[in-house]
Amino acid sequence: MSLHSTYSVAANPVSHDDNSLHVLFAGESQTNSLHALGPKIYDHYLLHYVERGKGIFRTEQHTYELHEGSCFLIHPGQLVSYVSDIEQPWRYRWTAFLGQEAQRRVEDAGFVVYQSVFTSTKENPTIPSSIAQMQEAFYTKKECAHMTSLGYLYLILAEAQDELSSQSRLTGTESQVQRTVKQMILYMSTQFAHPVSIEQMCDSLGYNRAYLSRIFKKETGFSPVTYLLKLRIDKSRQLLRERPELSIEQIASSVGLTDALYFSRQFKRFCGMSPSMYRNETGRQQRL
């Protein structure tokens, strides 16, 4: 197939020296037949999205035959090569990014070195349009293009997370159980300061309480009720140490327990002393 080759790229006008997450550039290309890159390594993350055509992506461990809708992420220091198909050379868009937060962000999205490829199941995927918008923002040469590019990068990683998590659900019930327990822990970690109940959490997650209690106890060793109470007591200990101006009633309320007497009983149950004694003991130790 004879296609007119194109290539364009735009760089972020803002320096990346002190940025914890930074998009370096974004570009697009209609490649020629058998257009090849590598084997080579990069010092940044480089994500490609195939809009049309076909090609092959190789790592040291795997070879992938990719086509329209495929996305692949190259990790820093990873030896890779990729080549477009002889008859249907691919057109793809790409973006590069780095920074101290980059590894955590790609791992949160579900990318790992040995599995950094997926094919989009979306009817209207946001990844190619997000890369295109990044590129347009960089062409303006405005400093705000940096923040704009980060917004689009998060949209890209969010869609990748959705696709990769959908794939991982096929690996079995255990992984789904672990994800549900993580959702429960996240819910309690963000809502403990409010007088929420386990029933409210179950309703929010859309599961039966008995089922959630069973899988949570199996994964953590605690019932959800005990875990939430322990979370609240742990936070109250921090407040007792760091906020001496707060009353016991104010601290109890701050961790989602409106009954100060109940709070004091539970605190003694977990810590072996009353909140007042704990505050006095830790204050004395800090003065020594």
Protein backbone atom coordinates (compact mmCIF):
# COMPACT_ATOMS: atom_id res chain seq x y z
CA MET A 1 0.00 0.00 0.00
CA SER A 2 1.47 3.36 -1.02
CA LEU A 3 0.93 6.13 1.55
CA HIS A 4 2.40 9.61 1.80
CA SER A 5 4.62 9.59 4.88
CA THR A 6 4.29 12.38 7.43
CA TYR A 7 6.12 13.32 10.61
CA SER A 8 5.58 16.12 13.10
CA VAL A 9 6.50 16.65 16.73
CA ALA A 10 6.14 19.52 19.23
CA ALA A 11 8.18 19.96 22.41
CA ASN A 12 7.05 21.28 25.76
CA PRO A 13 8.14 24.95 25.96
CA VAL A 14 8.68 24.63 29.74
CA SER A 15 11.89 23.16 31.20
CA HIS A 16 11.50 19.90 33.10
CA ASP A 17 14.32 20.46 35.63
CA ASP A 18 12.24 20.56 38.83
CA ASN A 19 8.98 18.98 37.71
CA SER A 20 7.94 15.73 39.39
CA LEU A 21 5.96 14.80 36.28
CA HIS A 22 6.69 16.35 32.91
CA VAL A 23 5.58 15.73 29.33
CA LEU A 24 8.56 16.20 27.03
CA PHE A 25 6.92 16.18 23.60
CA ALA A 26 4.06 14.83 21.51
CA GLY A 27 3.98 13.88 17.85
CA GLU A 28 2.41 11.92 15.04
CA SER A 29 3.59 10.07 11.96
CA GLN A 30 2.32 8.14 8.99
CA THR A 31 5.24 5.77 8.47
CA ASN A 32 6.57 4.20 5.31
CA SER A 33 6.54 0.45 4.77
CA LEU A 34 8.98 -1.34 7.09
CA HIS A 35 9.88 1.92 8.86
CA ALA A 36 11.99 0.66 11.77
CA LEU A 37 13.38 2.02 15.03
CA GLY A 38 15.85 0.21 17.30
CA PRO A 39 16.91 -1.93 18.93
CA LYS A 40 17.50 1.01 21.26
CA ILE A 41 16.78 2.33 24.75
CA TYR A 42 15.23 5.61 25.86
CA ASP A 43 15.80 7.62 29.04
CA HIS A 44 12.10 8.50 29.35
CA TYR A 45 8.69 6.87 29.03
CA LEU A 46 7.41 6.81 25.45
CA LEU A 47 3.79 5.88 24.74
CA HIS A 48 2.48 5.12 21.23
CA TYR A 49 -1.09 4.75 20.02
CA VAL A 50 -1.72 3.10 16.63
CA GLU A 51 -4.45 4.95 14.73
CA ARG A 52 -4.27 2.93 11.51
CA GLY A 53 -2.25 0.15 9.94
CA LYS A 54 -0.14 -2.55 11.53
CA GLY A 55 3.34 -3.21 12.86
CA ILE A 56 5.47 -5.20 15.27
CA PHE A 57 6.77 -4.11 18.68
CA ARG A 58 9.59 -6.13 20.27
CA THR A 59 11.02 -6.11 23.79
CA GLU A 60 13.71 -8.38 25.21
CA GLN A 61 10.95 -10.71 26.44
CA HIS A 62 8.12 -10.51 23.91
CA THR A 63 7.08 -9.78 20.34
CA TYR A 64 3.71 -8.12 19.76
CA GLU A 65 1.79 -7.82 16.49
CA LEU A 66 -0.12 -4.55 16.84
CA HIS A 67 -2.86 -2.88 14.81
CA GLU A 68 -5.43 -0.10 14.93
CA GLY A 69 -6.32 0.72 18.52
CA SER A 70 -3.16 -0.80 20.01
CA CYS A 71 -1.18 1.13 22.58
CA PHE A 72 2.33 0.36 23.79
CA LEU A 73 4.48 1.98 26.47
CA ILE A 74 8.27 1.92 26.37
CA HIS A 75 9.94 2.17 29.79
CA PRO A 76 13.24 3.99 30.43
CA GLY A 77 16.21 1.68 29.94
CA GLN A 78 14.11 -0.96 28.14
CA LEU A 79 15.69 -2.35 24.97
CA VAL A 80 13.03 -2.23 22.26
CA SER A 81 12.50 -2.14 18.52
CA TYR A 82 9.42 -1.56 16.39
CA VAL A 83 8.72 -1.74 12.68
CA SER A 84 5.72 -0.90 10.52
CA ASP A 85 3.99 -3.45 8.31
CA ILE A 86 5.09 -3.78 4.67
CA GLU A 87 1.55 -3.59 3.27
CA GLN A 88 -0.28 -1.55 5.91
CA PRO A 89 2.37 0.67 7.56
CA TRP A 90 1.05 2.15 10.74
CA ARG A 91 0.10 5.69 11.54
CA TYR A 92 0.64 6.43 15.19
CA ARG A 93 0.76 9.21 17.73
CA TRP A 94 3.18 9.31 20.62
CA THR A 95 4.07 11.23 23.74
CA ALA A 96 7.10 11.14 26.02
CA PHE A 97 7.21 11.93 29.73
CA LEU A 98 9.46 11.56 32.77
CA GLY A 99 9.86 12.73 36.38
CA GLN A 100 10.04 11.36 39.92
CA GLU A 101 6.32 10.53 39.88
CA ALA A 102 6.33 8.93 36.43
CA GLN A 103 7.04 5.35 37.53
CA ARG A 104 4.35 5.42 40.20
CA ARG A 105 1.82 6.88 37.78
CA VAL A 106 2.40 4.23 35.10
CA GLU A 107 2.30 1.46 37.70
CA ASP A 108 -0.95 2.86 39.10
CA ALA A 109 -2.31 2.71 35.55
CA GLY A 110 -1.36 -0.97 35.36
CA PHE A 111 1.69 -0.74 33.13
CA VAL A 112 4.63 -2.99 34.03
CA VAL A 113 7.75 -3.71 32.00
CA TYR A 114 6.58 -7.21 31.04
CA GLN A 115 3.04 -6.04 30.16
CA SER A 116 2.88 -2.61 28.59
CA VAL A 117 0.62 -3.32 25.62
CA PHE A 118 -3.14 -3.27 25.22
CA THR A 119 -5.71 -2.80 22.47
CA SER A 120 -8.44 -0.27 23.12
CA THR A 121 -12.00 -1.51 23.43
CA LYS A 122 -13.45 2.02 23.38
CA GLU A 123 -15.63 3.17 20.53
CA ASN A 124 -14.17 6.67 20.87
CA PRO A 125 -10.86 6.36 22.70
CA THR A 126 -9.47 9.53 24.27
CA ILE A 127 -5.79 8.60 23.99
CA PRO A 128 -5.14 9.70 20.36
CA SER A 129 -7.14 12.93 20.74
CA SER A 130 -5.35 13.69 24.03
CA ILE A 131 -1.96 13.30 22.37
CA ALA A 132 -3.12 15.53 19.51
CA GLN A 133 -4.28 18.19 21.99
CA MET A 134 -0.91 18.02 23.76
CA GLN A 135 0.82 18.62 20.46
CA GLU A 136 -1.42 21.59 19.64
CA ALA A 137 -0.79 23.07 23.08
CA PHE A 138 2.98 22.80 22.63
CA TYR A 139 2.77 24.53 19.26
CA THR A 140 1.42 27.65 21.03
CA LYS A 141 4.73 27.95 22.96
CA LYS A 142 2.81 29.24 25.98
CA GLU A 143 3.90 28.30 29.49
CA CYS A 144 0.38 27.08 30.28
CA ALA A 145 0.99 24.29 27.75
CA HIS A 146 2.87 22.42 30.48
CA MET A 147 -0.20 22.23 32.74
CA THR A 148 -2.40 21.42 29.76
CA SER A 149 -0.16 18.50 28.80
CA LEU A 150 -0.30 17.09 32.34
CA GLY A 151 -4.08 17.16 32.22
CA TYR A 152 -4.09 15.19 28.99
CA LEU A 153 -1.45 12.79 30.33
CA TYR A 154 -3.70 11.95 33.28
CA LEU A 155 -6.59 11.33 30.90
CA ILE A 156 -4.38 8.97 28.89
CA LEU A 157 -3.26 7.07 31.98
CA ALA A 158 -6.84 6.88 33.26
CA GLU A 159 -8.02 5.27 30.03
CA ALA A 160 -5.03 2.91 30.07
CA GLN A 161 -5.89 1.94 33.64
CA ASP A 162 -9.46 1.17 32.63
CA GLU A 163 -8.32 -0.99 29.70
CA LEU A 164 -5.59 -2.81 31.62
CA SER A 165 -7.81 -3.47 34.64
CA SER A 166 -10.44 -4.91 32.30
CA GLN A 167 -7.82 -7.30 30.97
CA SER A 168 -6.65 -8.28 34.46
CA ARG A 169 -10.21 -9.14 35.52
CA LEU A 170 -9.93 -12.13 33.22
CA THR A 171 -7.19 -13.63 35.41
CA GLY A 172 -9.60 -14.93 38.07
CA THR A 173 -11.75 -14.24 41.10
CA GLU A 174 -8.85 -13.68 43.49
CA SER A 175 -7.65 -10.52 41.71
CA GLN A 176 -11.20 -9.14 41.76
CA VAL A 177 -11.41 -9.84 45.49
CA GLN A 178 -8.14 -8.03 46.10
CA ARG A 179 -9.31 -5.02 44.11
CA THR A 180 -12.56 -4.90 46.08
CA VAL A 181 -10.69 -5.00 49.39
CA LYS A 182 -8.43 -2.18 48.21
CA GLN A 183 -11.54 -0.17 47.36
CA MET A 184 -12.87 -0.80 50.87
CA ILE A 185 -9.60 0.34 52.45
CA LEU A 186 -9.54 3.44 50.26
CA TYR A 187 -13.13 4.26 51.17
CA MET A 188 -12.44 3.96 54.90
CA SER A 189 -9.16 5.88 54.64
CA THR A 190 -10.88 8.85 53.03
CA GLN A 191 -14.17 8.77 54.97
CA PHE A 192 -13.09 7.89 58.54
CA ALA A 193 -13.44 11.53 59.69
CA HIS A 194 -17.16 11.37 58.94
CA PRO A 195 -19.68 9.31 60.92
CA VAL A 196 -19.95 6.75 58.14
CA SER A 197 -21.06 3.18 58.72
CA ILE A 198 -20.07 -0.12 57.17
CA GLU A 199 -23.58 -0.29 55.69
CA GLN A 200 -22.98 2.99 53.86
CA MET A 201 -19.68 1.70 52.50
CA CYS A 202 -21.35 -1.50 51.25
CA ASP A 203 -24.07 0.53 49.54
CA SER A 204 -21.43 2.78 47.96
CA LEU A 205 -19.48 -0.20 46.59
CA GLY A 206 -22.62 -2.07 45.55
CA TYR A 207 -21.98 -5.29 47.48
CA ASN A 208 -23.71 -7.29 50.19
CA ARG A 209 -22.34 -6.62 53.68
CA ALA A 210 -21.86 -10.29 54.52
CA TYR A 211 -19.82 -10.84 51.34
CA LEU A 212 -17.62 -7.78 51.93
CA SER A 213 -17.05 -8.68 55.56
CA ARG A 214 -16.01 -12.20 54.59
CA ILE A 215 -13.49 -11.24 51.89
CA PHE A 216 -12.12 -8.32 53.94
CA LYS A 217 -11.46 -10.55 56.97
CA LYS A 218 -9.80 -13.14 54.75
CA GLU A 219 -7.48 -10.60 53.09
CA THR A 220 -6.60 -8.40 56.10
CA GLY A 221 -7.29 -10.44 59.21
CA PHE A 222 -9.70 -7.75 60.49
CA SER A 223 -13.41 -7.27 60.15
CA PRO A 224 -14.37 -4.02 58.39
CA VAL A 225 -15.79 -2.67 61.68
CA THR A 226 -12.55 -3.35 63.55
CA TYR A 227 -10.40 -1.98 60.72
CA LEU A 228 -12.38 1.28 60.57
CA LEU A 229 -12.26 1.69 64.34
CA LYS A 230 -8.51 0.99 64.41
CA LEU A 231 -8.02 3.55 61.64
CA ARG A 232 -9.89 6.14 63.69
CA ILE A 233 -7.94 5.37 66.86
CA ASP A 234 -4.61 5.54 65.01
CA LYS A 235 -5.54 8.96 63.64
CA SER A 236 -6.66 10.13 67.08
CA ARG A 237 -3.27 9.17 68.52
CA GLN A 238 -1.63 11.41 65.94
CA LEU A 239 -3.92 14.31 66.85
CA LEU A 240 -3.30 13.79 70.56
CA ARG A 241 0.44 14.05 69.94
CA GLU A 242 0.41 16.92 67.46
CA ARG A 243 -2.58 19.07 68.47
CA PRO A 244 -2.45 19.64 72.26
CA GLU A 245 -4.90 22.55 71.99
CA LEU A 246 -7.73 20.22 70.92
CA SER A 247 -10.04 18.76 73.54
CA ILE A 248 -10.77 15.04 73.74
CA GLU A 249 -14.29 15.76 72.42
CA GLN A 250 -12.89 17.67 69.44
CA ILE A 251 -10.46 14.88 68.60
CA ALA A 252 -13.21 12.26 68.87
CA SER A 253 -15.36 14.28 66.48
CA SER A 254 -12.42 14.78 64.11
CA VAL A 255 -12.09 11.02 63.63
CA GLY A 256 -15.78 10.42 63.06
CA LEU A 257 -16.79 9.40 66.61
CA THR A 258 -19.34 11.83 68.00
CA ASP A 259 -19.69 10.08 71.39
CA ALA A 260 -16.63 11.08 73.43
CA LEU A 261 -17.31 8.43 76.08
CA TYR A 262 -17.45 5.66 73.46
CA PHE A 263 -14.28 7.06 71.90
CA SER A 264 -12.45 6.96 75.26
CA ARG A 265 -13.53 3.36 75.88
CA GLN A 266 -12.35 2.22 72.46
CA PHE A 267 -9.11 4.17 72.76
CA LYS A 268 -8.33 2.40 76.04
CA ARG A 269 -9.24 -0.93 74.43
CA PHE A 270 -6.66 -0.44 71.65
CA CYS A 271 -3.97 1.53 73.50
CA GLY A 272 -4.25 0.32 77.10
CA MET A 273 -4.75 3.82 78.51
CA SER A 274 -7.19 6.70 78.26
CA PRO A 275 -6.73 9.47 75.66
CA SER A 276 -5.74 11.92 78.43
CA MET A 277 -3.11 9.56 79.82
CA TYR A 278 -1.77 8.94 76.31
CA ARG A 279 -1.46 12.68 75.71
CA ASN A 280 0.34 13.19 79.03
CA GLU A 281 2.72 10.29 78.42
CA THR A 282 3.68 11.32 74.91
CA GLY A 283 4.02 14.96 75.95
CA ARG A 284 6.36 13.96 78.77
CA GLN A 285 8.48 11.84 76.42
CA GLN A 286 8.73 14.68 73.92
CA ARG A 287 10.00 17.03 76.65
CA LEU A 288 12.76 14.64 77.75
